[in-house]
């Protein structure tokens, strides 16, 4: 046994490294879950209210389910990343992929876009 292994075994750092290896999410499953949830919400959005894609007027926004469910299942980092994914999705849907209006949409709906990150972080 080397000196380095002995230090790692007996310290809190060694325990944290071992614990993180055991509990780290499989990122392909995180992205798959986020994409599937997004597709289901998009389908519901298209069926029930095709004129207002992104549902930015609803409170609470159904797209909050993306960081809520992913963060709950996979943790803090996955929750924040899925919040970013949800914010980008809602922004692109609400502006109908017209990049000219993206800046004004972000300025007018900053609280909504920030809520995706907060939900993902708090649940994760």
N, C-alpha and C. Protein backbone atom coordinates (compact mmCIF):
# COMPACT_ATOMS: atom_id res chain seq x y z
N UNK A 1 0.83 -1.17 0.00
CA UNK A 1 0.00 0.00 0.00
C UNK A 1 0.88 1.24 0.00
N UNK A 2 0.63 2.13 -0.94
CA UNK A 2 1.42 3.35 -1.01
C UNK A 2 0.89 4.40 -0.05
N UNK A 3 1.70 5.42 0.12
CA UNK A 3 1.33 6.51 1.03
C UNK A 3 0.09 7.24 0.53
N UNK A 4 -0.03 7.38 -0.79
CA UNK A 4 -1.17 8.09 -1.37
C UNK A 4 -2.48 7.35 -1.10
N UNK A 5 -2.47 6.02 -1.25
CA UNK A 5 -3.68 5.24 -0.99
C UNK A 5 -4.09 5.31 0.47
N UNK A 6 -3.11 5.29 1.37
CA UNK A 6 -3.40 5.35 2.79
C UNK A 6 -4.07 6.68 3.15
N UNK A 7 -3.58 7.77 2.57
CA UNK A 7 -4.19 9.07 2.85
C UNK A 7 -5.60 9.16 2.31
N UNK A 8 -5.82 8.61 1.12
CA UNK A 8 -7.15 8.69 0.54
C UNK A 8 -8.16 7.86 1.33
N UNK A 9 -7.75 6.70 1.81
CA UNK A 9 -8.68 5.83 2.51
C UNK A 9 -9.17 6.43 3.82
N UNK A 10 -8.30 7.05 4.56
CA UNK A 10 -8.66 7.51 5.89
C UNK A 10 -9.25 8.90 5.95
N UNK A 11 -9.31 9.61 4.85
CA UNK A 11 -9.78 11.00 4.90
C UNK A 11 -11.20 11.13 4.39
N UNK A 12 -11.75 12.27 4.71
CA UNK A 12 -13.10 12.56 4.23
C UNK A 12 -13.10 12.71 2.71
N UNK A 13 -11.99 13.20 2.16
CA UNK A 13 -11.90 13.36 0.71
C UNK A 13 -12.04 12.02 0.01
N UNK A 14 -11.42 10.99 0.55
CA UNK A 14 -11.54 9.65 -0.04
C UNK A 14 -12.97 9.15 0.01
N UNK A 15 -13.66 9.41 1.13
CA UNK A 15 -15.05 8.98 1.25
C UNK A 15 -15.93 9.72 0.25
N UNK A 16 -15.69 11.03 0.09
CA UNK A 16 -16.49 11.83 -0.85
C UNK A 16 -16.27 11.35 -2.28
N UNK A 17 -15.00 11.09 -2.64
CA UNK A 17 -14.72 10.61 -3.99
C UNK A 17 -15.40 9.27 -4.25
N UNK A 18 -15.35 8.37 -3.27
CA UNK A 18 -16.00 7.07 -3.42
C UNK A 18 -17.51 7.23 -3.54
N UNK A 19 -18.07 8.10 -2.70
CA UNK A 19 -19.52 8.32 -2.71
C UNK A 19 -19.98 8.94 -4.03
N UNK A 20 -19.21 9.90 -4.57
CA UNK A 20 -19.58 10.53 -5.83
C UNK A 20 -19.53 9.55 -6.98
N UNK A 21 -18.59 8.63 -6.96
CA UNK A 21 -18.51 7.62 -8.01
C UNK A 21 -19.73 6.71 -7.99
N UNK A 22 -20.24 6.42 -6.79
CA UNK A 22 -21.38 5.53 -6.67
C UNK A 22 -22.69 6.21 -7.04
N UNK A 23 -22.79 7.51 -6.78
CA UNK A 23 -24.09 8.17 -6.95
C UNK A 23 -24.16 9.10 -8.15
N UNK A 24 -23.10 9.20 -8.94
CA UNK A 24 -23.17 10.11 -10.09
C UNK A 24 -24.15 9.58 -11.12
N UNK A 25 -24.96 10.47 -11.69
CA UNK A 25 -25.98 10.01 -12.64
C UNK A 25 -25.36 9.59 -13.97
N UNK A 26 -26.05 8.76 -14.66
CA UNK A 26 -25.65 8.39 -16.02
C UNK A 26 -26.23 9.46 -16.93
N UNK A 27 -25.34 10.25 -17.53
CA UNK A 27 -25.77 11.45 -18.23
C UNK A 27 -26.59 11.15 -19.47
N UNK A 28 -26.42 9.98 -20.08
CA UNK A 28 -27.27 9.67 -21.22
C UNK A 28 -28.71 9.46 -20.77
N UNK A 29 -28.91 8.97 -19.56
CA UNK A 29 -30.27 8.82 -19.04
C UNK A 29 -30.88 10.17 -18.65
N UNK A 30 -30.04 11.06 -18.13
CA UNK A 30 -30.52 12.40 -17.78
C UNK A 30 -31.03 13.11 -19.03
N UNK A 31 -30.22 13.09 -20.08
CA UNK A 31 -30.63 13.78 -21.31
C UNK A 31 -31.83 13.09 -21.95
N UNK A 32 -31.89 11.77 -21.89
CA UNK A 32 -33.04 11.06 -22.45
C UNK A 32 -34.32 11.41 -21.70
N UNK A 33 -34.25 11.44 -20.38
CA UNK A 33 -35.42 11.82 -19.58
C UNK A 33 -35.87 13.25 -19.89
N UNK A 34 -34.92 14.17 -19.97
CA UNK A 34 -35.27 15.56 -20.26
C UNK A 34 -35.91 15.69 -21.64
N UNK A 35 -35.40 14.97 -22.61
CA UNK A 35 -35.95 15.03 -23.97
C UNK A 35 -37.34 14.41 -24.02
N UNK A 36 -37.54 13.28 -23.35
CA UNK A 36 -38.85 12.63 -23.35
C UNK A 36 -39.90 13.51 -22.66
N UNK A 37 -39.56 14.07 -21.52
CA UNK A 37 -40.50 14.95 -20.80
C UNK A 37 -40.82 16.17 -21.65
N UNK A 38 -39.81 16.74 -22.30
CA UNK A 38 -40.02 17.90 -23.16
C UNK A 38 -40.94 17.55 -24.33
N UNK A 39 -40.73 16.41 -24.93
CA UNK A 39 -41.58 15.99 -26.06
C UNK A 39 -43.02 15.79 -25.62
N UNK A 40 -43.23 15.23 -24.44
CA UNK A 40 -44.60 15.04 -23.94
C UNK A 40 -45.28 16.39 -23.68
N UNK A 41 -44.55 17.32 -23.09
CA UNK A 41 -45.12 18.65 -22.83
C UNK A 41 -45.37 19.39 -24.14
N UNK A 42 -44.44 19.26 -25.10
CA UNK A 42 -44.64 19.88 -26.41
C UNK A 42 -45.88 19.33 -27.10
N UNK A 43 -46.09 18.03 -27.00
CA UNK A 43 -47.27 17.41 -27.60
C UNK A 43 -48.54 17.95 -26.95
N UNK A 44 -48.54 18.03 -25.63
CA UNK A 44 -49.71 18.59 -24.93
C UNK A 44 -49.92 20.06 -25.30
N UNK A 45 -48.83 20.80 -25.42
CA UNK A 45 -48.92 22.21 -25.80
C UNK A 45 -49.49 22.34 -27.21
N UNK A 46 -49.06 21.49 -28.11
CA UNK A 46 -49.55 21.53 -29.49
C UNK A 46 -51.02 21.13 -29.57
N UNK A 47 -51.43 20.16 -28.79
CA UNK A 47 -52.82 19.69 -28.83
C UNK A 47 -53.77 20.70 -28.20
N UNK A 48 -53.42 21.23 -27.02
CA UNK A 48 -54.35 22.06 -26.27
C UNK A 48 -54.29 23.55 -26.58
N UNK A 49 -53.13 24.05 -26.95
CA UNK A 49 -53.01 25.49 -27.18
C UNK A 49 -51.91 25.75 -28.19
N UNK A 50 -52.23 25.51 -29.45
CA UNK A 50 -51.25 25.64 -30.52
C UNK A 50 -50.83 27.09 -30.74
N UNK A 51 -51.72 28.02 -30.42
CA UNK A 51 -51.42 29.44 -30.68
C UNK A 51 -50.39 30.01 -29.71
N UNK A 52 -50.31 29.48 -28.51
CA UNK A 52 -49.35 29.99 -27.53
C UNK A 52 -48.33 28.91 -27.19
N UNK A 53 -47.40 28.71 -28.09
CA UNK A 53 -46.35 27.72 -27.84
C UNK A 53 -45.42 28.25 -26.76
N UNK A 54 -45.10 27.41 -25.82
CA UNK A 54 -44.25 27.80 -24.70
C UNK A 54 -45.04 28.08 -23.43
N UNK A 55 -46.33 28.31 -23.57
CA UNK A 55 -47.22 28.54 -22.43
C UNK A 55 -46.63 29.52 -21.42
N UNK A 56 -46.09 30.63 -21.89
CA UNK A 56 -45.46 31.57 -20.97
C UNK A 56 -46.47 32.32 -20.11
N UNK A 57 -47.73 32.30 -20.46
CA UNK A 57 -48.75 32.99 -19.66
C UNK A 57 -49.31 32.13 -18.52
N UNK A 58 -49.13 30.83 -18.59
CA UNK A 58 -49.67 29.96 -17.53
C UNK A 58 -48.81 30.06 -16.29
N UNK A 59 -49.47 30.01 -15.15
CA UNK A 59 -48.75 30.03 -13.90
C UNK A 59 -49.31 28.94 -13.00
N UNK A 60 -48.59 27.93 -12.66
CA UNK A 60 -47.20 27.62 -13.00
C UNK A 60 -47.09 27.08 -14.41
N UNK A 61 -45.96 27.33 -15.00
CA UNK A 61 -45.69 26.91 -16.36
C UNK A 61 -45.46 25.39 -16.40
N UNK A 62 -46.13 24.68 -17.29
CA UNK A 62 -45.94 23.22 -17.37
C UNK A 62 -44.51 22.81 -17.71
N UNK A 63 -43.76 23.69 -18.34
CA UNK A 63 -42.37 23.36 -18.66
C UNK A 63 -41.49 23.32 -17.41
N UNK A 64 -42.01 23.77 -16.28
CA UNK A 64 -41.28 23.63 -15.02
C UNK A 64 -41.17 22.17 -14.59
N UNK A 65 -41.99 21.31 -15.20
CA UNK A 65 -41.89 19.88 -14.89
C UNK A 65 -40.54 19.29 -15.32
N UNK A 66 -39.92 19.87 -16.34
CA UNK A 66 -38.65 19.32 -16.83
C UNK A 66 -37.58 19.40 -15.74
N UNK A 67 -37.23 20.60 -15.22
CA UNK A 67 -36.21 20.60 -14.16
C UNK A 67 -36.71 20.00 -12.85
N UNK A 68 -38.02 20.04 -12.62
CA UNK A 68 -38.57 19.48 -11.40
C UNK A 68 -38.35 17.97 -11.35
N UNK A 69 -38.75 17.28 -12.40
CA UNK A 69 -38.63 15.82 -12.41
C UNK A 69 -37.19 15.35 -12.58
N UNK A 70 -36.45 15.99 -13.46
CA UNK A 70 -35.06 15.58 -13.68
C UNK A 70 -34.21 15.89 -12.46
N UNK A 71 -34.39 17.07 -11.87
CA UNK A 71 -33.64 17.42 -10.67
C UNK A 71 -33.97 16.52 -9.50
N UNK A 72 -35.22 16.14 -9.37
CA UNK A 72 -35.63 15.25 -8.29
C UNK A 72 -35.00 13.87 -8.44
N UNK A 73 -34.90 13.41 -9.65
CA UNK A 73 -34.38 12.06 -9.88
C UNK A 73 -32.86 12.00 -9.90
N UNK A 74 -32.21 13.02 -10.50
CA UNK A 74 -30.77 12.92 -10.74
C UNK A 74 -29.92 13.90 -9.94
N UNK A 75 -30.49 14.89 -9.28
CA UNK A 75 -29.71 15.75 -8.41
C UNK A 75 -29.52 17.18 -8.91
N UNK A 76 -28.64 17.88 -8.21
CA UNK A 76 -28.45 19.32 -8.35
C UNK A 76 -27.98 19.73 -9.75
N UNK A 77 -26.88 19.18 -10.21
CA UNK A 77 -26.32 19.57 -11.51
C UNK A 77 -27.28 19.23 -12.64
N UNK A 78 -27.87 18.06 -12.59
CA UNK A 78 -28.84 17.67 -13.61
C UNK A 78 -30.06 18.58 -13.59
N UNK A 79 -30.49 19.01 -12.40
CA UNK A 79 -31.61 19.93 -12.28
C UNK A 79 -31.32 21.28 -12.90
N UNK A 80 -30.11 21.79 -12.66
CA UNK A 80 -29.74 23.09 -13.23
C UNK A 80 -29.61 22.98 -14.75
N UNK A 81 -28.98 21.91 -15.23
CA UNK A 81 -28.83 21.75 -16.69
C UNK A 81 -30.17 21.55 -17.38
N UNK A 82 -31.07 20.81 -16.75
CA UNK A 82 -32.40 20.65 -17.36
C UNK A 82 -33.19 21.96 -17.27
N UNK A 83 -32.93 22.78 -16.26
CA UNK A 83 -33.53 24.11 -16.20
C UNK A 83 -33.05 24.98 -17.34
N UNK A 84 -31.77 24.89 -17.66
CA UNK A 84 -31.23 25.61 -18.82
C UNK A 84 -31.88 25.12 -20.11
N UNK A 85 -32.01 23.81 -20.23
CA UNK A 85 -32.66 23.22 -21.40
C UNK A 85 -34.10 23.69 -21.53
N UNK A 86 -34.83 23.72 -20.41
CA UNK A 86 -36.23 24.17 -20.44
C UNK A 86 -36.34 25.65 -20.78
N UNK A 87 -35.43 26.46 -20.25
CA UNK A 87 -35.44 27.89 -20.55
C UNK A 87 -35.18 28.15 -22.03
N UNK A 88 -34.23 27.42 -22.59
CA UNK A 88 -33.94 27.57 -24.03
C UNK A 88 -35.12 27.10 -24.86
N UNK A 89 -35.74 25.99 -24.46
CA UNK A 89 -36.89 25.46 -25.19
C UNK A 89 -38.04 26.46 -25.20
N UNK A 90 -38.38 27.00 -24.03
CA UNK A 90 -39.50 27.96 -23.95
C UNK A 90 -39.18 29.22 -24.74
N UNK A 91 -37.94 29.69 -24.67
CA UNK A 91 -37.56 30.89 -25.41
C UNK A 91 -37.69 30.68 -26.91
N UNK A 92 -37.21 29.57 -27.40
CA UNK A 92 -37.29 29.30 -28.84
C UNK A 92 -38.72 29.06 -29.30
N UNK A 93 -39.53 28.41 -28.45
CA UNK A 93 -40.94 28.20 -28.82
C UNK A 93 -41.73 29.50 -28.82
N UNK A 94 -41.51 30.33 -27.81
CA UNK A 94 -42.28 31.56 -27.68
C UNK A 94 -41.93 32.57 -28.77
N UNK A 95 -40.68 32.56 -29.21
CA UNK A 95 -40.28 33.49 -30.26
C UNK A 95 -40.43 32.89 -31.65
N UNK A 96 -40.92 31.66 -31.70
CA UNK A 96 -41.13 30.94 -32.96
C UNK A 96 -39.86 30.90 -33.81
N UNK A 97 -38.74 30.68 -33.12
CA UNK A 97 -37.41 30.58 -33.72
C UNK A 97 -37.00 31.83 -34.48
N UNK A 98 -37.62 32.96 -34.15
CA UNK A 98 -37.25 34.22 -34.77
C UNK A 98 -36.23 34.90 -33.86
N UNK A 99 -34.98 34.85 -34.24
CA UNK A 99 -33.89 35.30 -33.38
C UNK A 99 -33.91 36.80 -33.14
N UNK A 100 -34.67 37.55 -33.91
CA UNK A 100 -34.78 38.98 -33.71
C UNK A 100 -35.52 39.30 -32.41
N UNK A 101 -36.48 38.47 -32.04
CA UNK A 101 -37.32 38.73 -30.86
C UNK A 101 -36.81 38.07 -29.59
N UNK A 102 -35.75 37.31 -29.68
CA UNK A 102 -35.26 36.58 -28.50
C UNK A 102 -34.85 37.54 -27.39
N UNK A 103 -34.13 38.59 -27.73
CA UNK A 103 -33.65 39.54 -26.71
C UNK A 103 -34.82 40.20 -25.97
N UNK A 104 -35.84 40.62 -26.70
CA UNK A 104 -36.99 41.25 -26.04
C UNK A 104 -37.78 40.24 -25.21
N UNK A 105 -37.86 39.00 -25.67
CA UNK A 105 -38.55 37.98 -24.88
C UNK A 105 -37.82 37.73 -23.57
N UNK A 106 -36.50 37.65 -23.63
CA UNK A 106 -35.72 37.43 -22.41
C UNK A 106 -35.88 38.60 -21.45
N UNK A 107 -35.87 39.82 -21.97
CA UNK A 107 -36.04 41.00 -21.11
C UNK A 107 -37.42 41.02 -20.45
N UNK A 108 -38.45 40.63 -21.17
CA UNK A 108 -39.82 40.68 -20.63
C UNK A 108 -40.16 39.49 -19.74
N UNK A 109 -39.49 38.37 -19.90
CA UNK A 109 -39.83 37.15 -19.16
C UNK A 109 -38.66 36.60 -18.38
N UNK A 110 -37.83 37.46 -17.88
CA UNK A 110 -36.64 37.02 -17.16
C UNK A 110 -37.00 36.21 -15.92
N UNK A 111 -38.05 36.60 -15.21
CA UNK A 111 -38.48 35.87 -14.02
C UNK A 111 -38.86 34.44 -14.35
N UNK A 112 -39.53 34.24 -15.47
CA UNK A 112 -39.94 32.89 -15.87
C UNK A 112 -38.72 32.04 -16.20
N UNK A 113 -37.80 32.60 -16.97
CA UNK A 113 -36.61 31.84 -17.34
C UNK A 113 -35.73 31.56 -16.14
N UNK A 114 -35.66 32.49 -15.20
CA UNK A 114 -34.89 32.28 -13.99
C UNK A 114 -35.53 31.21 -13.11
N UNK A 115 -36.85 31.10 -13.16
CA UNK A 115 -37.57 30.10 -12.35
C UNK A 115 -37.17 28.67 -12.73
N UNK A 116 -36.82 28.44 -13.98
CA UNK A 116 -36.39 27.10 -14.39
C UNK A 116 -35.12 26.70 -13.66
N UNK A 117 -34.17 27.62 -13.56
CA UNK A 117 -32.92 27.33 -12.85
C UNK A 117 -33.17 27.13 -11.36
N UNK A 118 -34.00 27.99 -10.78
CA UNK A 118 -34.27 27.91 -9.34
C UNK A 118 -34.95 26.59 -9.00
N UNK A 119 -35.93 26.18 -9.77
CA UNK A 119 -36.62 24.93 -9.51
C UNK A 119 -35.65 23.76 -9.61
N UNK A 120 -34.84 23.76 -10.67
CA UNK A 120 -33.87 22.67 -10.83
C UNK A 120 -32.85 22.61 -9.69
N UNK A 121 -32.41 23.78 -9.24
CA UNK A 121 -31.42 23.82 -8.15
C UNK A 121 -32.02 23.43 -6.81
N UNK A 122 -33.21 23.93 -6.52
CA UNK A 122 -33.83 23.63 -5.22
C UNK A 122 -34.26 22.18 -5.09
N UNK A 123 -34.79 21.64 -6.16
CA UNK A 123 -35.23 20.24 -6.12
C UNK A 123 -34.04 19.30 -6.11
N UNK A 124 -33.01 19.65 -6.89
CA UNK A 124 -31.81 18.79 -6.97
C UNK A 124 -31.07 18.83 -5.68
